[in-house]
Amino acid sequence: EFDNLLGNDASLAKQLYHIKKTGN
């Protein structure tokens, strides 16, 4: 969902919010 919604910002958002493929 992060990847689909945020485009170029996805990487930064995942880093900031600790988003993982397997889930946190």
PDBML (XML) file of the C-alpha atoms, coordinates in Angstrom:
<?xml version="1.0" encoding="UTF-8" ?>
<PDBx:datablock datablockName="MODEL"
   xmlns:PDBx="http://pdbml.pdb.org/schema/pdbx-v50.xsd"
   xmlns:xsi="http://www.w3.org/2001/XMLSchema-instance"
   xsi:schemaLocation="http://pdbml.pdb.org/schema/pdbx-v50.xsd pdbx-v50.xsd">
   <PDBx:atom_siteCategory>
      <PDBx:atom_site id="1">
         <PDBx:B_iso_or_equiv>0.00</PDBx:B_iso_or_equiv>
         <PDBx:Cartn_x>0.000</PDBx:Cartn_x>
         <PDBx:Cartn_y>0.000</PDBx:Cartn_y>
         <PDBx:Cartn_z>0.000</PDBx:Cartn_z>
         <PDBx:auth_asym_id>A</PDBx:auth_asym_id>
         <PDBx:auth_atom_id>CA</PDBx:auth_atom_id>
         <PDBx:auth_comp_id>GLU</PDBx:auth_comp_id>
         <PDBx:auth_seq_id>1</PDBx:auth_seq_id>
         <PDBx:group_PDB>ATOM</PDBx:group_PDB>
         <PDBx:label_alt_id xsi:nil="true" />
         <PDBx:label_asym_id>A</PDBx:label_asym_id>
         <PDBx:label_atom_id>CA</PDBx:label_atom_id>
         <PDBx:label_comp_id>GLU</PDBx:label_comp_id>
         <PDBx:label_entity_id>1</PDBx:label_entity_id>
         <PDBx:label_seq_id>1</PDBx:label_seq_id>
         <PDBx:occupancy>1.00</PDBx:occupancy>
         <PDBx:pdbx_PDB_model_num>1</PDBx:pdbx_PDB_model_num>
         <PDBx:type_symbol>C</PDBx:type_symbol>
      </PDBx:atom_site>
      <PDBx:atom_site id="2">
         <PDBx:B_iso_or_equiv>0.00</PDBx:B_iso_or_equiv>
         <PDBx:Cartn_x>2.846</PDBx:Cartn_x>
         <PDBx:Cartn_y>2.408</PDBx:Cartn_y>
         <PDBx:Cartn_z>0.784</PDBx:Cartn_z>
         <PDBx:auth_asym_id>A</PDBx:auth_asym_id>
         <PDBx:auth_atom_id>CA</PDBx:auth_atom_id>
         <PDBx:auth_comp_id>PHE</PDBx:auth_comp_id>
         <PDBx:auth_seq_id>2</PDBx:auth_seq_id>
         <PDBx:group_PDB>ATOM</PDBx:group_PDB>
         <PDBx:label_alt_id xsi:nil="true" />
         <PDBx:label_asym_id>A</PDBx:label_asym_id>
         <PDBx:label_atom_id>CA</PDBx:label_atom_id>
         <PDBx:label_comp_id>PHE</PDBx:label_comp_id>
         <PDBx:label_entity_id>1</PDBx:label_entity_id>
         <PDBx:label_seq_id>2</PDBx:label_seq_id>
         <PDBx:occupancy>1.00</PDBx:occupancy>
         <PDBx:pdbx_PDB_model_num>1</PDBx:pdbx_PDB_model_num>
         <PDBx:type_symbol>C</PDBx:type_symbol>
      </PDBx:atom_site>
      <PDBx:atom_site id="3">
         <PDBx:B_iso_or_equiv>0.00</PDBx:B_iso_or_equiv>
         <PDBx:Cartn_x>4.498</PDBx:Cartn_x>
         <PDBx:Cartn_y>1.604</PDBx:Cartn_y>
         <PDBx:Cartn_z>-2.551</PDBx:Cartn_z>
         <PDBx:auth_asym_id>A</PDBx:auth_asym_id>
         <PDBx:auth_atom_id>CA</PDBx:auth_atom_id>
         <PDBx:auth_comp_id>ASP</PDBx:auth_comp_id>
         <PDBx:auth_seq_id>3</PDBx:auth_seq_id>
         <PDBx:group_PDB>ATOM</PDBx:group_PDB>
         <PDBx:label_alt_id xsi:nil="true" />
         <PDBx:label_asym_id>A</PDBx:label_asym_id>
         <PDBx:label_atom_id>CA</PDBx:label_atom_id>
         <PDBx:label_comp_id>ASP</PDBx:label_comp_id>
         <PDBx:label_entity_id>1</PDBx:label_entity_id>
         <PDBx:label_seq_id>3</PDBx:label_seq_id>
         <PDBx:occupancy>1.00</PDBx:occupancy>
         <PDBx:pdbx_PDB_model_num>1</PDBx:pdbx_PDB_model_num>
         <PDBx:type_symbol>C</PDBx:type_symbol>
      </PDBx:atom_site>
      <PDBx:atom_site id="4">
         <PDBx:B_iso_or_equiv>0.00</PDBx:B_iso_or_equiv>
         <PDBx:Cartn_x>1.286</PDBx:Cartn_x>
         <PDBx:Cartn_y>2.060</PDBx:Cartn_y>
         <PDBx:Cartn_z>-4.525</PDBx:Cartn_z>
         <PDBx:auth_asym_id>A</PDBx:auth_asym_id>
         <PDBx:auth_atom_id>CA</PDBx:auth_atom_id>
         <PDBx:auth_comp_id>ASN</PDBx:auth_comp_id>
         <PDBx:auth_seq_id>4</PDBx:auth_seq_id>
         <PDBx:group_PDB>ATOM</PDBx:group_PDB>
         <PDBx:label_alt_id xsi:nil="true" />
         <PDBx:label_asym_id>A</PDBx:label_asym_id>
         <PDBx:label_atom_id>CA</PDBx:label_atom_id>
         <PDBx:label_comp_id>ASN</PDBx:label_comp_id>
         <PDBx:label_entity_id>1</PDBx:label_entity_id>
         <PDBx:label_seq_id>4</PDBx:label_seq_id>
         <PDBx:occupancy>1.00</PDBx:occupancy>
         <PDBx:pdbx_PDB_model_num>1</PDBx:pdbx_PDB_model_num>
         <PDBx:type_symbol>C</PDBx:type_symbol>
      </PDBx:atom_site>
      <PDBx:atom_site id="5">
         <PDBx:B_iso_or_equiv>0.00</PDBx:B_iso_or_equiv>
         <PDBx:Cartn_x>0.196</PDBx:Cartn_x>
         <PDBx:Cartn_y>5.271</PDBx:Cartn_y>
         <PDBx:Cartn_z>-2.809</PDBx:Cartn_z>
         <PDBx:auth_asym_id>A</PDBx:auth_asym_id>
         <PDBx:auth_atom_id>CA</PDBx:auth_atom_id>
         <PDBx:auth_comp_id>LEU</PDBx:auth_comp_id>
         <PDBx:auth_seq_id>5</PDBx:auth_seq_id>
         <PDBx:group_PDB>ATOM</PDBx:group_PDB>
         <PDBx:label_alt_id xsi:nil="true" />
         <PDBx:label_asym_id>A</PDBx:label_asym_id>
         <PDBx:label_atom_id>CA</PDBx:label_atom_id>
         <PDBx:label_comp_id>LEU</PDBx:label_comp_id>
         <PDBx:label_entity_id>1</PDBx:label_entity_id>
         <PDBx:label_seq_id>5</PDBx:label_seq_id>
         <PDBx:occupancy>1.00</PDBx:occupancy>
         <PDBx:pdbx_PDB_model_num>1</PDBx:pdbx_PDB_model_num>
         <PDBx:type_symbol>C</PDBx:type_symbol>
      </PDBx:atom_site>
      <PDBx:atom_site id="6">
         <PDBx:B_iso_or_equiv>0.00</PDBx:B_iso_or_equiv>
         <PDBx:Cartn_x>3.434</PDBx:Cartn_x>
         <PDBx:Cartn_y>7.153</PDBx:Cartn_y>
         <PDBx:Cartn_z>-2.308</PDBx:Cartn_z>
         <PDBx:auth_asym_id>A</PDBx:auth_asym_id>
         <PDBx:auth_atom_id>CA</PDBx:auth_atom_id>
         <PDBx:auth_comp_id>LEU</PDBx:auth_comp_id>
         <PDBx:auth_seq_id>6</PDBx:auth_seq_id>
         <PDBx:group_PDB>ATOM</PDBx:group_PDB>
         <PDBx:label_alt_id xsi:nil="true" />
         <PDBx:label_asym_id>A</PDBx:label_asym_id>
         <PDBx:label_atom_id>CA</PDBx:label_atom_id>
         <PDBx:label_comp_id>LEU</PDBx:label_comp_id>
         <PDBx:label_entity_id>1</PDBx:label_entity_id>
         <PDBx:label_seq_id>6</PDBx:label_seq_id>
         <PDBx:occupancy>1.00</PDBx:occupancy>
         <PDBx:pdbx_PDB_model_num>1</PDBx:pdbx_PDB_model_num>
         <PDBx:type_symbol>C</PDBx:type_symbol>
      </PDBx:atom_site>
      <PDBx:atom_site id="7">
         <PDBx:B_iso_or_equiv>0.00</PDBx:B_iso_or_equiv>
         <PDBx:Cartn_x>5.490</PDBx:Cartn_x>
         <PDBx:Cartn_y>6.565</PDBx:Cartn_y>
         <PDBx:Cartn_z>-5.438</PDBx:Cartn_z>
         <PDBx:auth_asym_id>A</PDBx:auth_asym_id>
         <PDBx:auth_atom_id>CA</PDBx:auth_atom_id>
         <PDBx:auth_comp_id>GLY</PDBx:auth_comp_id>
         <PDBx:auth_seq_id>7</PDBx:auth_seq_id>
         <PDBx:group_PDB>ATOM</PDBx:group_PDB>
         <PDBx:label_alt_id xsi:nil="true" />
         <PDBx:label_asym_id>A</PDBx:label_asym_id>
         <PDBx:label_atom_id>CA</PDBx:label_atom_id>
         <PDBx:label_comp_id>GLY</PDBx:label_comp_id>
         <PDBx:label_entity_id>1</PDBx:label_entity_id>
         <PDBx:label_seq_id>7</PDBx:label_seq_id>
         <PDBx:occupancy>1.00</PDBx:occupancy>
         <PDBx:pdbx_PDB_model_num>1</PDBx:pdbx_PDB_model_num>
         <PDBx:type_symbol>C</PDBx:type_symbol>
      </PDBx:atom_site>
      <PDBx:atom_site id="8">
         <PDBx:B_iso_or_equiv>0.00</PDBx:B_iso_or_equiv>
         <PDBx:Cartn_x>8.879</PDBx:Cartn_x>
         <PDBx:Cartn_y>8.266</PDBx:Cartn_y>
         <PDBx:Cartn_z>-5.073</PDBx:Cartn_z>
         <PDBx:auth_asym_id>A</PDBx:auth_asym_id>
         <PDBx:auth_atom_id>CA</PDBx:auth_atom_id>
         <PDBx:auth_comp_id>ASN</PDBx:auth_comp_id>
         <PDBx:auth_seq_id>8</PDBx:auth_seq_id>
         <PDBx:group_PDB>ATOM</PDBx:group_PDB>
         <PDBx:label_alt_id xsi:nil="true" />
         <PDBx:label_asym_id>A</PDBx:label_asym_id>
         <PDBx:label_atom_id>CA</PDBx:label_atom_id>
         <PDBx:label_comp_id>ASN</PDBx:label_comp_id>
         <PDBx:label_entity_id>1</PDBx:label_entity_id>
         <PDBx:label_seq_id>8</PDBx:label_seq_id>
         <PDBx:occupancy>1.00</PDBx:occupancy>
         <PDBx:pdbx_PDB_model_num>1</PDBx:pdbx_PDB_model_num>
         <PDBx:type_symbol>C</PDBx:type_symbol>
      </PDBx:atom_site>
      <PDBx:atom_site id="9">
         <PDBx:B_iso_or_equiv>0.00</PDBx:B_iso_or_equiv>
         <PDBx:Cartn_x>8.170</PDBx:Cartn_x>
         <PDBx:Cartn_y>9.060</PDBx:Cartn_y>
         <PDBx:Cartn_z>-1.404</PDBx:Cartn_z>
         <PDBx:auth_asym_id>A</PDBx:auth_asym_id>
         <PDBx:auth_atom_id>CA</PDBx:auth_atom_id>
         <PDBx:auth_comp_id>ASP</PDBx:auth_comp_id>
         <PDBx:auth_seq_id>9</PDBx:auth_seq_id>
         <PDBx:group_PDB>ATOM</PDBx:group_PDB>
         <PDBx:label_alt_id xsi:nil="true" />
         <PDBx:label_asym_id>A</PDBx:label_asym_id>
         <PDBx:label_atom_id>CA</PDBx:label_atom_id>
         <PDBx:label_comp_id>ASP</PDBx:label_comp_id>
         <PDBx:label_entity_id>1</PDBx:label_entity_id>
         <PDBx:label_seq_id>9</PDBx:label_seq_id>
         <PDBx:occupancy>1.00</PDBx:occupancy>
         <PDBx:pdbx_PDB_model_num>1</PDBx:pdbx_PDB_model_num>
         <PDBx:type_symbol>C</PDBx:type_symbol>
      </PDBx:atom_site>
      <PDBx:atom_site id="10">
         <PDBx:B_iso_or_equiv>0.00</PDBx:B_iso_or_equiv>
         <PDBx:Cartn_x>7.574</PDBx:Cartn_x>
         <PDBx:Cartn_y>5.403</PDBx:Cartn_y>
         <PDBx:Cartn_z>-0.503</PDBx:Cartn_z>
         <PDBx:auth_asym_id>A</PDBx:auth_asym_id>
         <PDBx:auth_atom_id>CA</PDBx:auth_atom_id>
         <PDBx:auth_comp_id>ALA</PDBx:auth_comp_id>
         <PDBx:auth_seq_id>10</PDBx:auth_seq_id>
         <PDBx:group_PDB>ATOM</PDBx:group_PDB>
         <PDBx:label_alt_id xsi:nil="true" />
         <PDBx:label_asym_id>A</PDBx:label_asym_id>
         <PDBx:label_atom_id>CA</PDBx:label_atom_id>
         <PDBx:label_comp_id>ALA</PDBx:label_comp_id>
         <PDBx:label_entity_id>1</PDBx:label_entity_id>
         <PDBx:label_seq_id>10</PDBx:label_seq_id>
         <PDBx:occupancy>1.00</PDBx:occupancy>
         <PDBx:pdbx_PDB_model_num>1</PDBx:pdbx_PDB_model_num>
         <PDBx:type_symbol>C</PDBx:type_symbol>
      </PDBx:atom_site>
      <PDBx:atom_site id="11">
         <PDBx:B_iso_or_equiv>0.00</PDBx:B_iso_or_equiv>
         <PDBx:Cartn_x>11.168</PDBx:Cartn_x>
         <PDBx:Cartn_y>4.634</PDBx:Cartn_y>
         <PDBx:Cartn_z>0.414</PDBx:Cartn_z>
         <PDBx:auth_asym_id>A</PDBx:auth_asym_id>
         <PDBx:auth_atom_id>CA</PDBx:auth_atom_id>
         <PDBx:auth_comp_id>SER</PDBx:auth_comp_id>
         <PDBx:auth_seq_id>11</PDBx:auth_seq_id>
         <PDBx:group_PDB>ATOM</PDBx:group_PDB>
         <PDBx:label_alt_id xsi:nil="true" />
         <PDBx:label_asym_id>A</PDBx:label_asym_id>
         <PDBx:label_atom_id>CA</PDBx:label_atom_id>
         <PDBx:label_comp_id>SER</PDBx:label_comp_id>
         <PDBx:label_entity_id>1</PDBx:label_entity_id>
         <PDBx:label_seq_id>11</PDBx:label_seq_id>
         <PDBx:occupancy>1.00</PDBx:occupancy>
         <PDBx:pdbx_PDB_model_num>1</PDBx:pdbx_PDB_model_num>
         <PDBx:type_symbol>C</PDBx:type_symbol>
      </PDBx:atom_site>
      <PDBx:atom_site id="12">
         <PDBx:B_iso_or_equiv>0.00</PDBx:B_iso_or_equiv>
         <PDBx:Cartn_x>11.431</PDBx:Cartn_x>
         <PDBx:Cartn_y>7.613</PDBx:Cartn_y>
         <PDBx:Cartn_z>2.787</PDBx:Cartn_z>
         <PDBx:auth_asym_id>A</PDBx:auth_asym_id>
         <PDBx:auth_atom_id>CA</PDBx:auth_atom_id>
         <PDBx:auth_comp_id>LEU</PDBx:auth_comp_id>
         <PDBx:auth_seq_id>12</PDBx:auth_seq_id>
         <PDBx:group_PDB>ATOM</PDBx:group_PDB>
         <PDBx:label_alt_id xsi:nil="true" />
         <PDBx:label_asym_id>A</PDBx:label_asym_id>
         <PDBx:label_atom_id>CA</PDBx:label_atom_id>
         <PDBx:label_comp_id>LEU</PDBx:label_comp_id>
         <PDBx:label_entity_id>1</PDBx:label_entity_id>
         <PDBx:label_seq_id>12</PDBx:label_seq_id>
         <PDBx:occupancy>1.00</PDBx:occupancy>
         <PDBx:pdbx_PDB_model_num>1</PDBx:pdbx_PDB_model_num>
         <PDBx:type_symbol>C</PDBx:type_symbol>
      </PDBx:atom_site>
      <PDBx:atom_site id="13">
         <PDBx:B_iso_or_equiv>0.00</PDBx:B_iso_or_equiv>
         <PDBx:Cartn_x>8.024</PDBx:Cartn_x>
         <PDBx:Cartn_y>6.881</PDBx:Cartn_y>
         <PDBx:Cartn_z>4.340</PDBx:Cartn_z>
         <PDBx:auth_asym_id>A</PDBx:auth_asym_id>
         <PDBx:auth_atom_id>CA</PDBx:auth_atom_id>
         <PDBx:auth_comp_id>ALA</PDBx:auth_comp_id>
         <PDBx:auth_seq_id>13</PDBx:auth_seq_id>
         <PDBx:group_PDB>ATOM</PDBx:group_PDB>
         <PDBx:label_alt_id xsi:nil="true" />
         <PDBx:label_asym_id>A</PDBx:label_asym_id>
         <PDBx:label_atom_id>CA</PDBx:label_atom_id>
         <PDBx:label_comp_id>ALA</PDBx:label_comp_id>
         <PDBx:label_entity_id>1</PDBx:label_entity_id>
         <PDBx:label_seq_id>13</PDBx:label_seq_id>
         <PDBx:occupancy>1.00</PDBx:occupancy>
         <PDBx:pdbx_PDB_model_num>1</PDBx:pdbx_PDB_model_num>
         <PDBx:type_symbol>C</PDBx:type_symbol>
      </PDBx:atom_site>
      <PDBx:atom_site id="14">
         <PDBx:B_iso_or_equiv>0.00</PDBx:B_iso_or_equiv>
         <PDBx:Cartn_x>8.879</PDBx:Cartn_x>
         <PDBx:Cartn_y>3.226</PDBx:Cartn_y>
         <PDBx:Cartn_z>4.934</PDBx:Cartn_z>
         <PDBx:auth_asym_id>A</PDBx:auth_asym_id>
         <PDBx:auth_atom_id>CA</PDBx:auth_atom_id>
         <PDBx:auth_comp_id>LYS</PDBx:auth_comp_id>
         <PDBx:auth_seq_id>14</PDBx:auth_seq_id>
         <PDBx:group_PDB>ATOM</PDBx:group_PDB>
         <PDBx:label_alt_id xsi:nil="true" />
         <PDBx:label_asym_id>A</PDBx:label_asym_id>
         <PDBx:label_atom_id>CA</PDBx:label_atom_id>
         <PDBx:label_comp_id>LYS</PDBx:label_comp_id>
         <PDBx:label_entity_id>1</PDBx:label_entity_id>
         <PDBx:label_seq_id>14</PDBx:label_seq_id>
         <PDBx:occupancy>1.00</PDBx:occupancy>
         <PDBx:pdbx_PDB_model_num>1</PDBx:pdbx_PDB_model_num>
         <PDBx:type_symbol>C</PDBx:type_symbol>
      </PDBx:atom_site>
      <PDBx:atom_site id="15">
         <PDBx:B_iso_or_equiv>0.00</PDBx:B_iso_or_equiv>
         <PDBx:Cartn_x>12.126</PDBx:Cartn_x>
         <PDBx:Cartn_y>4.247</PDBx:Cartn_y>
         <PDBx:Cartn_z>6.563</PDBx:Cartn_z>
         <PDBx:auth_asym_id>A</PDBx:auth_asym_id>
         <PDBx:auth_atom_id>CA</PDBx:auth_atom_id>
         <PDBx:auth_comp_id>GLN</PDBx:auth_comp_id>
         <PDBx:auth_seq_id>15</PDBx:auth_seq_id>
         <PDBx:group_PDB>ATOM</PDBx:group_PDB>
         <PDBx:label_alt_id xsi:nil="true" />
         <PDBx:label_asym_id>A</PDBx:label_asym_id>
         <PDBx:label_atom_id>CA</PDBx:label_atom_id>
         <PDBx:label_comp_id>GLN</PDBx:label_comp_id>
         <PDBx:label_entity_id>1</PDBx:label_entity_id>
         <PDBx:label_seq_id>15</PDBx:label_seq_id>
         <PDBx:occupancy>1.00</PDBx:occupancy>
         <PDBx:pdbx_PDB_model_num>1</PDBx:pdbx_PDB_model_num>
         <PDBx:type_symbol>C</PDBx:type_symbol>
      </PDBx:atom_site>
      <PDBx:atom_site id="16">
         <PDBx:B_iso_or_equiv>0.00</PDBx:B_iso_or_equiv>
         <PDBx:Cartn_x>10.487</PDBx:Cartn_x>
         <PDBx:Cartn_y>6.855</PDBx:Cartn_y>
         <PDBx:Cartn_z>8.803</PDBx:Cartn_z>
         <PDBx:auth_asym_id>A</PDBx:auth_asym_id>
         <PDBx:auth_atom_id>CA</PDBx:auth_atom_id>
         <PDBx:auth_comp_id>LEU</PDBx:auth_comp_id>
         <PDBx:auth_seq_id>16</PDBx:auth_seq_id>
         <PDBx:group_PDB>ATOM</PDBx:group_PDB>
         <PDBx:label_alt_id xsi:nil="true" />
         <PDBx:label_asym_id>A</PDBx:label_asym_id>
         <PDBx:label_atom_id>CA</PDBx:label_atom_id>
         <PDBx:label_comp_id>LEU</PDBx:label_comp_id>
         <PDBx:label_entity_id>1</PDBx:label_entity_id>
         <PDBx:label_seq_id>16</PDBx:label_seq_id>
         <PDBx:occupancy>1.00</PDBx:occupancy>
         <PDBx:pdbx_PDB_model_num>1</PDBx:pdbx_PDB_model_num>
         <PDBx:type_symbol>C</PDBx:type_symbol>
      </PDBx:atom_site>
      <PDBx:atom_site id="17">
         <PDBx:B_iso_or_equiv>0.00</PDBx:B_iso_or_equiv>
         <PDBx:Cartn_x>7.527</PDBx:Cartn_x>
         <PDBx:Cartn_y>4.674</PDBx:Cartn_y>
         <PDBx:Cartn_z>9.824</PDBx:Cartn_z>
         <PDBx:auth_asym_id>A</PDBx:auth_asym_id>
         <PDBx:auth_atom_id>CA</PDBx:auth_atom_id>
         <PDBx:auth_comp_id>TYR</PDBx:auth_comp_id>
         <PDBx:auth_seq_id>17</PDBx:auth_seq_id>
         <PDBx:group_PDB>ATOM</PDBx:group_PDB>
         <PDBx:label_alt_id xsi:nil="true" />
         <PDBx:label_asym_id>A</PDBx:label_asym_id>
         <PDBx:label_atom_id>CA</PDBx:label_atom_id>
         <PDBx:label_comp_id>TYR</PDBx:label_comp_id>
         <PDBx:label_entity_id>1</PDBx:label_entity_id>
         <PDBx:label_seq_id>17</PDBx:label_seq_id>
         <PDBx:occupancy>1.00</PDBx:occupancy>
         <PDBx:pdbx_PDB_model_num>1</PDBx:pdbx_PDB_model_num>
         <PDBx:type_symbol>C</PDBx:type_symbol>
      </PDBx:atom_site>
      <PDBx:atom_site id="18">
         <PDBx:B_iso_or_equiv>0.00</PDBx:B_iso_or_equiv>
         <PDBx:Cartn_x>9.384</PDBx:Cartn_x>
         <PDBx:Cartn_y>1.331</PDBx:Cartn_y>
         <PDBx:Cartn_z>10.029</PDBx:Cartn_z>
         <PDBx:auth_asym_id>A</PDBx:auth_asym_id>
         <PDBx:auth_atom_id>CA</PDBx:auth_atom_id>
         <PDBx:auth_comp_id>HIS</PDBx:auth_comp_id>
         <PDBx:auth_seq_id>18</PDBx:auth_seq_id>
         <PDBx:group_PDB>ATOM</PDBx:group_PDB>
         <PDBx:label_alt_id xsi:nil="true" />
         <PDBx:label_asym_id>A</PDBx:label_asym_id>
         <PDBx:label_atom_id>CA</PDBx:label_atom_id>
         <PDBx:label_comp_id>HIS</PDBx:label_comp_id>
         <PDBx:label_entity_id>1</PDBx:label_entity_id>
         <PDBx:label_seq_id>18</PDBx:label_seq_id>
         <PDBx:occupancy>1.00</PDBx:occupancy>
         <PDBx:pdbx_PDB_model_num>1</PDBx:pdbx_PDB_model_num>
         <PDBx:type_symbol>C</PDBx:type_symbol>
      </PDBx:atom_site>
      <PDBx:atom_site id="19">
         <PDBx:B_iso_or_equiv>0.00</PDBx:B_iso_or_equiv>
         <PDBx:Cartn_x>7.225</PDBx:Cartn_x>
         <PDBx:Cartn_y>-0.348</PDBx:Cartn_y>
         <PDBx:Cartn_z>7.398</PDBx:Cartn_z>
         <PDBx:auth_asym_id>A</PDBx:auth_asym_id>
         <PDBx:auth_atom_id>CA</PDBx:auth_atom_id>
         <PDBx:auth_comp_id>ILE</PDBx:auth_comp_id>
         <PDBx:auth_seq_id>19</PDBx:auth_seq_id>
         <PDBx:group_PDB>ATOM</PDBx:group_PDB>
         <PDBx:label_alt_id xsi:nil="true" />
         <PDBx:label_asym_id>A</PDBx:label_asym_id>
         <PDBx:label_atom_id>CA</PDBx:label_atom_id>
         <PDBx:label_comp_id>ILE</PDBx:label_comp_id>
         <PDBx:label_entity_id>1</PDBx:label_entity_id>
         <PDBx:label_seq_id>19</PDBx:label_seq_id>
         <PDBx:occupancy>1.00</PDBx:occupancy>
         <PDBx:pdbx_PDB_model_num>1</PDBx:pdbx_PDB_model_num>
         <PDBx:type_symbol>C</PDBx:type_symbol>
      </PDBx:atom_site>
      <PDBx:atom_site id="20">
         <PDBx:B_iso_or_equiv>0.00</PDBx:B_iso_or_equiv>
         <PDBx:Cartn_x>8.300</PDBx:Cartn_x>
         <PDBx:Cartn_y>-3.892</PDBx:Cartn_y>
         <PDBx:Cartn_z>6.486</PDBx:Cartn_z>
         <PDBx:auth_asym_id>A</PDBx:auth_asym_id>
         <PDBx:auth_atom_id>CA</PDBx:auth_atom_id>
         <PDBx:auth_comp_id>LYS</PDBx:auth_comp_id>
         <PDBx:auth_seq_id>20</PDBx:auth_seq_id>
         <PDBx:group_PDB>ATOM</PDBx:group_PDB>
         <PDBx:label_alt_id xsi:nil="true" />
         <PDBx:label_asym_id>A</PDBx:label_asym_id>
         <PDBx:label_atom_id>CA</PDBx:label_atom_id>
         <PDBx:label_comp_id>LYS</PDBx:label_comp_id>
         <PDBx:label_entity_id>1</PDBx:label_entity_id>
         <PDBx:label_seq_id>20</PDBx:label_seq_id>
         <PDBx:occupancy>1.00</PDBx:occupancy>
         <PDBx:pdbx_PDB_model_num>1</PDBx:pdbx_PDB_model_num>
         <PDBx:type_symbol>C</PDBx:type_symbol>
      </PDBx:atom_site>
      <PDBx:atom_site id="21">
         <PDBx:B_iso_or_equiv>0.00</PDBx:B_iso_or_equiv>
         <PDBx:Cartn_x>7.295</PDBx:Cartn_x>
         <PDBx:Cartn_y>-6.346</PDBx:Cartn_y>
         <PDBx:Cartn_z>3.793</PDBx:Cartn_z>
         <PDBx:auth_asym_id>A</PDBx:auth_asym_id>
         <PDBx:auth_atom_id>CA</PDBx:auth_atom_id>
         <PDBx:auth_comp_id>LYS</PDBx:auth_comp_id>
         <PDBx:auth_seq_id>21</PDBx:auth_seq_id>
         <PDBx:group_PDB>ATOM</PDBx:group_PDB>
         <PDBx:label_alt_id xsi:nil="true" />
         <PDBx:label_asym_id>A</PDBx:label_asym_id>
         <PDBx:label_atom_id>CA</PDBx:label_atom_id>
         <PDBx:label_comp_id>LYS</PDBx:label_comp_id>
         <PDBx:label_entity_id>1</PDBx:label_entity_id>
         <PDBx:label_seq_id>21</PDBx:label_seq_id>
         <PDBx:occupancy>1.00</PDBx:occupancy>
         <PDBx:pdbx_PDB_model_num>1</PDBx:pdbx_PDB_model_num>
         <PDBx:type_symbol>C</PDBx:type_symbol>
      </PDBx:atom_site>
      <PDBx:atom_site id="22">
         <PDBx:B_iso_or_equiv>0.00</PDBx:B_iso_or_equiv>
         <PDBx:Cartn_x>6.634</PDBx:Cartn_x>
         <PDBx:Cartn_y>-9.002</PDBx:Cartn_y>
         <PDBx:Cartn_z>6.439</PDBx:Cartn_z>
         <PDBx:auth_asym_id>A</PDBx:auth_asym_id>
         <PDBx:auth_atom_id>CA</PDBx:auth_atom_id>
         <PDBx:auth_comp_id>THR</PDBx:auth_comp_id>
         <PDBx:auth_seq_id>22</PDBx:auth_seq_id>
         <PDBx:group_PDB>ATOM</PDBx:group_PDB>
         <PDBx:label_alt_id xsi:nil="true" />
         <PDBx:label_asym_id>A</PDBx:label_asym_id>
         <PDBx:label_atom_id>CA</PDBx:label_atom_id>
         <PDBx:label_comp_id>THR</PDBx:label_comp_id>
         <PDBx:label_entity_id>1</PDBx:label_entity_id>
         <PDBx:label_seq_id>22</PDBx:label_seq_id>
         <PDBx:occupancy>1.00</PDBx:occupancy>
         <PDBx:pdbx_PDB_model_num>1</PDBx:pdbx_PDB_model_num>
         <PDBx:type_symbol>C</PDBx:type_symbol>
      </PDBx:atom_site>
      <PDBx:atom_site id="23">
         <PDBx:B_iso_or_equiv>0.00</PDBx:B_iso_or_equiv>
         <PDBx:Cartn_x>4.897</PDBx:Cartn_x>
         <PDBx:Cartn_y>-6.456</PDBx:Cartn_y>
         <PDBx:Cartn_z>8.659</PDBx:Cartn_z>
         <PDBx:auth_asym_id>A</PDBx:auth_asym_id>
         <PDBx:auth_atom_id>CA</PDBx:auth_atom_id>
         <PDBx:auth_comp_id>GLY</PDBx:auth_comp_id>
         <PDBx:auth_seq_id>23</PDBx:auth_seq_id>
         <PDBx:group_PDB>ATOM</PDBx:group_PDB>
         <PDBx:label_alt_id xsi:nil="true" />
         <PDBx:label_asym_id>A</PDBx:label_asym_id>
         <PDBx:label_atom_id>CA</PDBx:label_atom_id>
         <PDBx:label_comp_id>GLY</PDBx:label_comp_id>
         <PDBx:label_entity_id>1</PDBx:label_entity_id>
         <PDBx:label_seq_id>23</PDBx:label_seq_id>
         <PDBx:occupancy>1.00</PDBx:occupancy>
         <PDBx:pdbx_PDB_model_num>1</PDBx:pdbx_PDB_model_num>
         <PDBx:type_symbol>C</PDBx:type_symbol>
      </PDBx:atom_site>
      <PDBx:atom_site id="24">
         <PDBx:B_iso_or_equiv>0.00</PDBx:B_iso_or_equiv>
         <PDBx:Cartn_x>6.088</PDBx:Cartn_x>
         <PDBx:Cartn_y>-4.982</PDBx:Cartn_y>
         <PDBx:Cartn_z>11.945</PDBx:Cartn_z>
         <PDBx:auth_asym_id>A</PDBx:auth_asym_id>
         <PDBx:auth_atom_id>CA</PDBx:auth_atom_id>
         <PDBx:auth_comp_id>ASN</PDBx:auth_comp_id>
         <PDBx:auth_seq_id>24</PDBx:auth_seq_id>
         <PDBx:group_PDB>ATOM</PDBx:group_PDB>
         <PDBx:label_alt_id xsi:nil="true" />
         <PDBx:label_asym_id>A</PDBx:label_asym_id>
         <PDBx:label_atom_id>CA</PDBx:label_atom_id>
         <PDBx:label_comp_id>ASN</PDBx:label_comp_id>
         <PDBx:label_entity_id>1</PDBx:label_entity_id>
         <PDBx:label_seq_id>24</PDBx:label_seq_id>
         <PDBx:occupancy>1.00</PDBx:occupancy>
         <PDBx:pdbx_PDB_model_num>1</PDBx:pdbx_PDB_model_num>
         <PDBx:type_symbol>C</PDBx:type_symbol>
      </PDBx:atom_site>
   </PDBx:atom_siteCategory>
</PDBx:datablock>
